[in-house]
N, C-alpha and C. Protein backbone atom coordinates (compact mmCIF):
# COMPACT_ATOMS: atom_id res chain seq x y z
N MET A 1 -9.73 -7.79 -4.06
CA MET A 1 -8.72 -8.72 -3.80
C MET A 1 -8.77 -9.07 -2.32
N ARG A 2 -8.49 -10.62 -2.02
CA ARG A 2 -8.77 -11.06 -0.82
C ARG A 2 -7.18 -11.20 -0.62
N ILE A 3 -6.74 -11.05 0.41
CA ILE A 3 -5.11 -10.82 1.01
C ILE A 3 -5.14 -11.41 2.29
N TYR A 4 -4.13 -12.43 2.26
CA TYR A 4 -4.07 -13.16 3.41
C TYR A 4 -2.72 -12.47 4.67
N ALA A 5 -2.90 -12.30 5.38
CA ALA A 5 -2.02 -11.53 6.41
C ALA A 5 -1.50 -12.36 7.19
N THR A 6 -0.01 -12.71 6.97
CA THR A 6 0.62 -13.86 7.51
C THR A 6 0.87 -13.70 9.22
N LYS A 7 0.86 -12.31 9.35
CA LYS A 7 1.25 -11.76 10.96
C LYS A 7 0.09 -11.87 11.69
N THR A 8 -1.42 -12.13 11.14
CA THR A 8 -2.27 -11.90 12.08
C THR A 8 -3.28 -13.22 11.73
N LYS A 9 -2.85 -14.07 10.72
CA LYS A 9 -3.21 -15.21 9.96
C LYS A 9 -4.72 -15.00 9.70
N THR A 10 -5.18 -13.91 9.17
CA THR A 10 -6.38 -13.50 8.77
C THR A 10 -6.50 -12.94 7.31
N PHE A 11 -7.75 -12.94 6.84
CA PHE A 11 -8.31 -12.41 5.58
C PHE A 11 -8.33 -11.27 5.48
N ARG A 12 -8.29 -10.61 4.60
CA ARG A 12 -9.07 -9.17 4.43
C ARG A 12 -9.15 -8.87 2.96
N THR A 13 -10.43 -8.11 2.62
CA THR A 13 -10.49 -7.43 1.41
C THR A 13 -10.12 -6.23 1.01
N VAL A 14 -9.59 -5.96 0.02
CA VAL A 14 -8.58 -4.65 -0.60
C VAL A 14 -9.59 -4.38 -2.08
N PRO A 15 -10.20 -3.15 -1.70
CA PRO A 15 -10.61 -3.21 -3.33
C PRO A 15 -9.13 -2.58 -4.21
N VAL A 16 -9.63 -2.92 -5.38
CA VAL A 16 -8.42 -2.24 -6.36
C VAL A 16 -9.10 -1.79 -7.56
N THR A 17 -8.37 -1.04 -8.42
CA THR A 17 -8.77 -0.54 -9.59
C THR A 17 -9.50 -1.25 -10.40
N GLU A 18 -10.33 -1.05 -11.57
CA GLU A 18 -10.89 -1.74 -12.48
C GLU A 18 -9.67 -1.89 -13.36
N SER A 19 -8.59 -1.00 -13.66
CA SER A 19 -7.67 -0.84 -14.74
C SER A 19 -6.49 -1.98 -14.04
N PHE A 20 -6.31 -2.04 -12.69
CA PHE A 20 -5.43 -2.86 -11.97
C PHE A 20 -6.01 -4.30 -12.32
N LEU A 21 -7.15 -4.64 -12.26
CA LEU A 21 -7.85 -5.85 -12.13
C LEU A 21 -7.75 -6.25 -13.85
N ASP A 22 -7.80 -5.57 -14.53
CA ASP A 22 -7.56 -5.97 -16.23
C ASP A 22 -6.14 -6.43 -16.17
N ARG A 23 -5.47 -5.57 -15.65
CA ARG A 23 -4.04 -5.77 -15.89
C ARG A 23 -3.56 -7.32 -15.35
N LEU A 24 -4.04 -7.59 -14.23
CA LEU A 24 -4.09 -9.03 -13.54
C LEU A 24 -4.53 -10.18 -14.50
N ARG A 25 -5.76 -9.67 -14.89
CA ARG A 25 -6.42 -10.75 -15.95
C ARG A 25 -5.42 -11.07 -16.88
N GLU A 26 -4.90 -10.17 -17.82
CA GLU A 26 -3.88 -10.16 -18.99
C GLU A 26 -2.62 -10.60 -18.49
N ILE A 27 -2.34 -10.72 -17.47
CA ILE A 27 -1.00 -11.22 -16.86
C ILE A 27 -1.49 -12.93 -16.68
N ARG A 28 -2.66 -13.32 -16.14
CA ARG A 28 -3.07 -14.45 -15.79
C ARG A 28 -2.96 -15.03 -17.19
N LYS A 29 -3.60 -14.63 -18.09
CA LYS A 29 -3.65 -15.21 -19.51
C LYS A 29 -2.21 -15.94 -20.06
N THR A 30 -1.21 -15.04 -19.74
CA THR A 30 0.11 -15.68 -20.27
C THR A 30 0.91 -16.38 -19.43
N SER A 31 0.11 -16.48 -18.42
CA SER A 31 0.95 -17.08 -17.16
C SER A 31 1.31 -18.82 -17.53
N LYS A 32 2.46 -19.05 -17.19
CA LYS A 32 2.70 -20.70 -17.59
C LYS A 32 2.49 -21.45 -16.45
N SER A 33 2.56 -20.93 -14.93
CA SER A 33 2.42 -21.58 -14.11
C SER A 33 0.90 -21.61 -13.26
N GLY A 34 0.23 -20.64 -13.85
CA GLY A 34 -1.17 -20.22 -13.22
C GLY A 34 -1.32 -19.32 -12.18
N PHE A 35 -0.03 -18.97 -12.00
CA PHE A 35 0.11 -17.79 -10.58
C PHE A 35 0.40 -16.61 -11.60
N ILE A 36 -0.04 -15.43 -10.99
CA ILE A 36 0.35 -14.13 -11.31
C ILE A 36 1.30 -13.64 -11.28
N VAL A 37 2.08 -14.03 -9.98
CA VAL A 37 3.43 -13.81 -10.10
C VAL A 37 4.59 -14.96 -10.33
N GLU A 38 5.13 -14.75 -11.31
CA GLU A 38 6.20 -16.24 -11.63
C GLU A 38 7.16 -15.66 -12.27
N TYR A 39 8.43 -16.51 -12.21
CA TYR A 39 9.40 -16.16 -12.87
C TYR A 39 10.06 -17.51 -13.64
N GLU A 40 10.17 -17.02 -15.15
CA GLU A 40 10.52 -18.55 -16.02
C GLU A 40 9.38 -19.51 -15.89
N GLY A 41 8.17 -19.05 -15.66
CA GLY A 41 7.13 -20.30 -15.85
C GLY A 41 6.99 -20.88 -14.37
N LYS A 42 7.59 -20.48 -13.25
CA LYS A 42 7.35 -21.08 -12.24
C LYS A 42 6.84 -20.16 -11.08
N PRO A 43 6.27 -20.46 -10.04
CA PRO A 43 5.52 -19.61 -8.88
C PRO A 43 6.87 -19.16 -8.07
N LEU A 44 6.77 -17.90 -7.67
CA LEU A 44 8.12 -17.21 -6.88
C LEU A 44 7.76 -18.34 -5.41
N THR A 45 8.94 -18.50 -4.71
CA THR A 45 8.80 -19.08 -3.62
C THR A 45 9.26 -18.04 -2.57
N THR A 46 10.22 -17.50 -2.87
CA THR A 46 10.44 -16.30 -1.86
C THR A 46 10.26 -14.92 -2.47
N ILE A 47 9.24 -14.28 -2.22
CA ILE A 47 9.18 -12.82 -2.78
C ILE A 47 10.20 -11.82 -2.43
N ARG A 48 10.85 -11.84 -1.47
CA ARG A 48 11.93 -11.10 -0.96
C ARG A 48 13.22 -10.86 -1.76
N ARG A 49 13.37 -12.37 -2.29
CA ARG A 49 14.51 -12.45 -3.25
C ARG A 49 14.26 -11.75 -4.54
N SER A 50 12.88 -12.33 -4.86
CA SER A 50 12.60 -11.76 -6.18
C SER A 50 12.47 -10.20 -6.25
N PHE A 51 12.05 -9.58 -5.15
CA PHE A 51 11.89 -8.36 -5.21
C PHE A 51 13.43 -7.64 -5.30
N ASN A 52 14.11 -8.20 -4.55
CA ASN A 52 15.71 -7.66 -4.51
C ASN A 52 16.27 -7.70 -6.05
N THR A 53 15.98 -8.71 -6.65
CA THR A 53 16.47 -9.11 -7.81
C THR A 53 15.97 -8.09 -8.95
N ALA A 54 14.64 -8.11 -8.76
CA ALA A 54 13.97 -7.02 -9.67
C ALA A 54 14.45 -5.56 -9.43
N CYS A 55 14.70 -5.23 -8.21
CA CYS A 55 15.28 -3.72 -7.73
C CYS A 55 16.59 -3.55 -8.47
N GLU A 56 17.47 -4.97 -8.38
CA GLU A 56 19.00 -4.96 -9.24
C GLU A 56 18.87 -4.85 -10.70
N LYS A 57 17.96 -5.34 -11.00
CA LYS A 57 17.66 -5.58 -12.76
C LYS A 57 17.18 -4.04 -12.95
N ALA A 58 16.33 -3.50 -12.05
CA ALA A 58 15.91 -2.27 -12.66
C ALA A 58 17.00 -0.74 -12.38
N GLY A 59 17.87 -1.28 -11.63
CA GLY A 59 19.22 -0.28 -11.64
C GLY A 59 18.78 0.59 -10.29
N ILE A 60 17.93 -0.09 -9.44
CA ILE A 60 17.62 0.57 -8.19
C ILE A 60 18.80 0.46 -7.13
N THR A 61 19.54 1.53 -6.80
CA THR A 61 20.69 1.58 -5.89
C THR A 61 20.59 1.68 -4.40
N VAL A 62 19.33 2.29 -4.17
CA VAL A 62 19.04 2.49 -2.81
C VAL A 62 18.46 1.22 -2.06
N ASP A 63 18.77 1.22 -0.65
CA ASP A 63 18.47 0.03 0.02
C ASP A 63 16.92 0.27 -0.04
N VAL A 64 15.93 -0.54 -0.69
CA VAL A 64 14.58 -0.81 -0.59
C VAL A 64 14.05 -2.10 -0.01
N ARG A 65 13.39 -2.15 0.65
CA ARG A 65 12.69 -3.34 1.29
C ARG A 65 11.13 -3.51 0.95
N MET A 66 10.67 -4.74 0.92
CA MET A 66 9.06 -4.90 0.87
C MET A 66 8.19 -3.91 1.56
N TYR A 67 8.65 -3.58 2.72
CA TYR A 67 8.36 -2.99 3.65
C TYR A 67 8.02 -1.64 3.24
N ASP A 68 8.97 -1.03 2.64
CA ASP A 68 8.93 0.19 2.40
C ASP A 68 7.71 0.44 1.12
N LEU A 69 7.30 -0.36 0.47
CA LEU A 69 6.29 -0.35 -0.49
C LEU A 69 4.94 -0.08 0.44
N ARG A 70 4.96 -0.62 1.51
CA ARG A 70 3.84 -0.93 2.26
C ARG A 70 3.70 0.48 2.95
N HIS A 71 4.78 1.15 3.27
CA HIS A 71 4.66 2.52 3.95
C HIS A 71 4.45 3.41 2.97
N LEU A 72 4.66 3.69 1.49
CA LEU A 72 4.61 4.27 0.70
C LEU A 72 3.16 4.41 0.15
N PHE A 73 2.70 3.16 0.16
CA PHE A 73 1.01 2.78 0.11
C PHE A 73 0.52 3.66 0.78
N ALA A 74 0.44 3.53 2.35
CA ALA A 74 -0.28 4.21 3.32
C ALA A 74 0.25 5.74 3.30
N THR A 75 1.40 6.15 3.17
CA THR A 75 1.66 7.65 3.27
C THR A 75 0.97 8.34 1.82
N THR A 76 1.22 7.72 0.91
CA THR A 76 0.48 8.30 -0.53
C THR A 76 -0.69 8.59 -0.24
N MET A 77 -1.58 7.59 0.26
CA MET A 77 -2.99 7.55 0.49
C MET A 77 -3.49 8.91 1.37
N LEU A 78 -2.54 9.07 2.47
CA LEU A 78 -2.73 9.91 3.53
C LEU A 78 -2.49 11.29 3.04
N ALA A 79 -1.56 11.35 2.43
CA ALA A 79 -1.02 12.61 1.99
C ALA A 79 -1.93 13.22 0.68
N ASN A 80 -2.54 12.31 -0.04
CA ASN A 80 -3.58 12.80 -0.87
C ASN A 80 -4.86 13.03 -0.24
N GLY A 81 -4.98 13.09 0.92
CA GLY A 81 -6.40 13.38 1.51
C GLY A 81 -7.41 11.90 1.77
N ALA A 82 -6.72 10.54 1.66
CA ALA A 82 -7.87 9.47 2.09
C ALA A 82 -7.96 9.48 3.57
N ASP A 83 -9.28 9.09 3.94
CA ASP A 83 -9.82 8.91 5.25
C ASP A 83 -8.99 7.92 5.85
N LEU A 84 -8.43 8.51 6.92
CA LEU A 84 -7.51 7.80 7.98
C LEU A 84 -8.05 6.51 8.37
N ALA A 85 -9.42 6.18 8.60
CA ALA A 85 -9.83 4.79 8.86
C ALA A 85 -9.66 4.16 7.91
N ALA A 86 -10.16 4.85 6.71
CA ALA A 86 -10.26 3.59 5.29
C ALA A 86 -8.63 2.97 5.26
N VAL A 87 -7.84 4.20 5.30
CA VAL A 87 -6.30 3.43 5.29
C VAL A 87 -5.93 2.21 6.37
N SER A 88 -6.46 2.81 7.15
CA SER A 88 -6.21 1.82 8.45
C SER A 88 -6.77 0.36 8.17
N LYS A 89 -7.97 0.37 7.78
CA LYS A 89 -8.67 -0.83 7.33
C LYS A 89 -7.93 -1.53 5.87
N LEU A 90 -7.38 -0.68 5.08
CA LEU A 90 -6.55 -1.33 3.93
C LEU A 90 -5.42 -1.96 4.51
N MET A 91 -4.85 -1.42 5.43
CA MET A 91 -3.54 -1.78 6.12
C MET A 91 -3.55 -3.14 6.82
N GLY A 92 -4.84 -3.27 7.14
CA GLY A 92 -5.10 -4.26 8.46
C GLY A 92 -4.89 -4.08 9.62
N HIS A 93 -4.84 -2.86 10.19
CA HIS A 93 -4.33 -2.58 11.31
C HIS A 93 -5.35 -2.74 12.28
N SER A 94 -5.35 -3.04 13.40
CA SER A 94 -6.27 -3.22 14.46
C SER A 94 -7.17 -2.23 14.96
N THR A 95 -6.33 -1.04 14.88
CA THR A 95 -7.01 0.21 15.32
C THR A 95 -6.67 1.38 14.45
N VAL A 96 -7.64 2.42 14.46
CA VAL A 96 -7.14 3.90 13.57
C VAL A 96 -5.81 4.15 14.41
N LYS A 97 -5.77 4.30 15.60
CA LYS A 97 -4.78 4.67 16.62
C LYS A 97 -3.30 4.18 16.08
N MET A 98 -3.53 3.02 15.78
CA MET A 98 -2.10 2.24 15.18
C MET A 98 -1.60 3.10 13.86
N THR A 99 -2.57 2.92 13.09
CA THR A 99 -2.30 3.75 11.64
C THR A 99 -1.74 5.06 12.10
N ALA A 100 -2.48 5.93 13.12
CA ALA A 100 -2.20 7.28 13.01
C ALA A 100 -0.71 7.47 13.78
N ASP A 101 -0.59 6.31 14.97
CA ASP A 101 0.74 6.74 15.57
C ASP A 101 1.88 6.39 14.62
N VAL A 102 1.69 5.49 13.52
CA VAL A 102 2.79 5.05 12.66
C VAL A 102 3.05 6.13 11.51
N TYR A 103 1.83 6.72 10.95
CA TYR A 103 1.84 7.25 9.63
C TYR A 103 1.49 8.51 9.57
N TYR A 104 0.97 9.33 10.79
CA TYR A 104 0.23 10.41 10.51
C TYR A 104 1.49 11.46 10.31
N HIS A 105 2.55 11.16 11.48
CA HIS A 105 3.63 12.39 11.85
C HIS A 105 4.34 12.67 10.46
N TYR A 106 4.13 11.78 9.23
CA TYR A 106 4.78 12.23 8.13
C TYR A 106 4.12 13.30 7.11
N LEU A 107 2.84 13.34 7.61
CA LEU A 107 2.03 14.59 6.82
C LEU A 107 2.15 15.55 7.36
N GLU A 108 2.95 16.73 6.42
CA GLU A 108 3.43 17.94 6.75
C GLU A 108 1.79 19.16 6.87
N GLY A 109 1.75 19.83 7.54
CA GLY A 109 0.76 20.69 7.41
C GLY A 109 -0.54 20.68 7.77
N GLU A 110 -0.82 19.33 8.08
CA GLU A 110 -2.23 18.70 8.39
C GLU A 110 -2.79 19.72 9.62
N LYS A 111 -2.06 20.04 10.69
CA LYS A 111 -2.74 20.80 11.37
C LYS A 111 -3.03 22.13 11.05
N GLU A 112 -2.26 22.58 10.46
CA GLU A 112 -2.74 23.97 9.92
C GLU A 112 -3.67 24.00 8.94
N LYS A 113 -3.96 22.86 8.22
CA LYS A 113 -5.00 22.61 7.15
C LYS A 113 -6.04 22.40 7.91
N ALA A 114 -6.25 21.57 9.02
CA ALA A 114 -7.45 21.52 10.10
C ALA A 114 -7.86 23.08 10.66
N VAL A 115 -6.89 23.49 11.00
CA VAL A 115 -7.25 24.84 11.64
C VAL A 115 -7.86 25.85 10.83
N GLY A 116 -7.38 25.85 9.38
CA GLY A 116 -7.71 26.63 8.35
C GLY A 116 -9.28 26.17 7.67
N LYS A 117 -9.79 25.39 8.46
CA LYS A 117 -11.24 25.03 7.98
C LYS A 117 -12.37 25.58 8.83
N LEU A 118 -11.68 26.28 9.97
CA LEU A 118 -12.26 26.88 10.99
C LEU A 118 -13.12 27.81 10.36
N PRO A 119 -14.47 28.58 11.04
CA PRO A 119 -14.82 29.73 10.26
C PRO A 119 -14.10 30.85 11.13
N SER A 120 -14.31 32.16 10.28
CA SER A 120 -13.47 33.25 10.67
C SER A 120 -14.30 33.66 12.24
N LEU A 121 -13.52 34.12 13.24
CA LEU A 121 -14.03 34.35 14.52
C LEU A 121 -13.69 35.93 14.61
N ALA A 122 -13.21 36.34 13.44
CA ALA A 122 -12.59 38.05 13.62
C ALA A 122 -13.84 38.81 13.15
N GLY A 123 -14.95 38.35 13.03
CA GLY A 123 -16.07 39.02 12.35
C GLY A 123 -16.00 39.72 11.12
N VAL A 124 -14.73 39.09 10.11
CA VAL A 124 -14.98 39.59 8.89
C VAL A 124 -15.70 38.98 7.80
């Protein structure tokens, strides 16, 4: 998928799974407006309001922001062993350091896991 980043005013390509792409194609077939994300046949103009309404209708009572989904995306990938540099590119960060500074501290046990990969020095 080609994504436009409004903050940096740049485009980036983000790979998606084939099953997700199939789902988007199915949604497009039934679209009344020609857009994938629509409500009552009209494209959404304010995603924030639509997101809040969807959370309300789903019965989600905790305060959730769109940014929280971005954060969940990054931390889930990192917690499941994704490469930090790859996650950084997907997030559109200018440097890997930025990604590490923002997200790496959420990963419990990463230092211990890294040390566990060292060969034994005890002669055993």
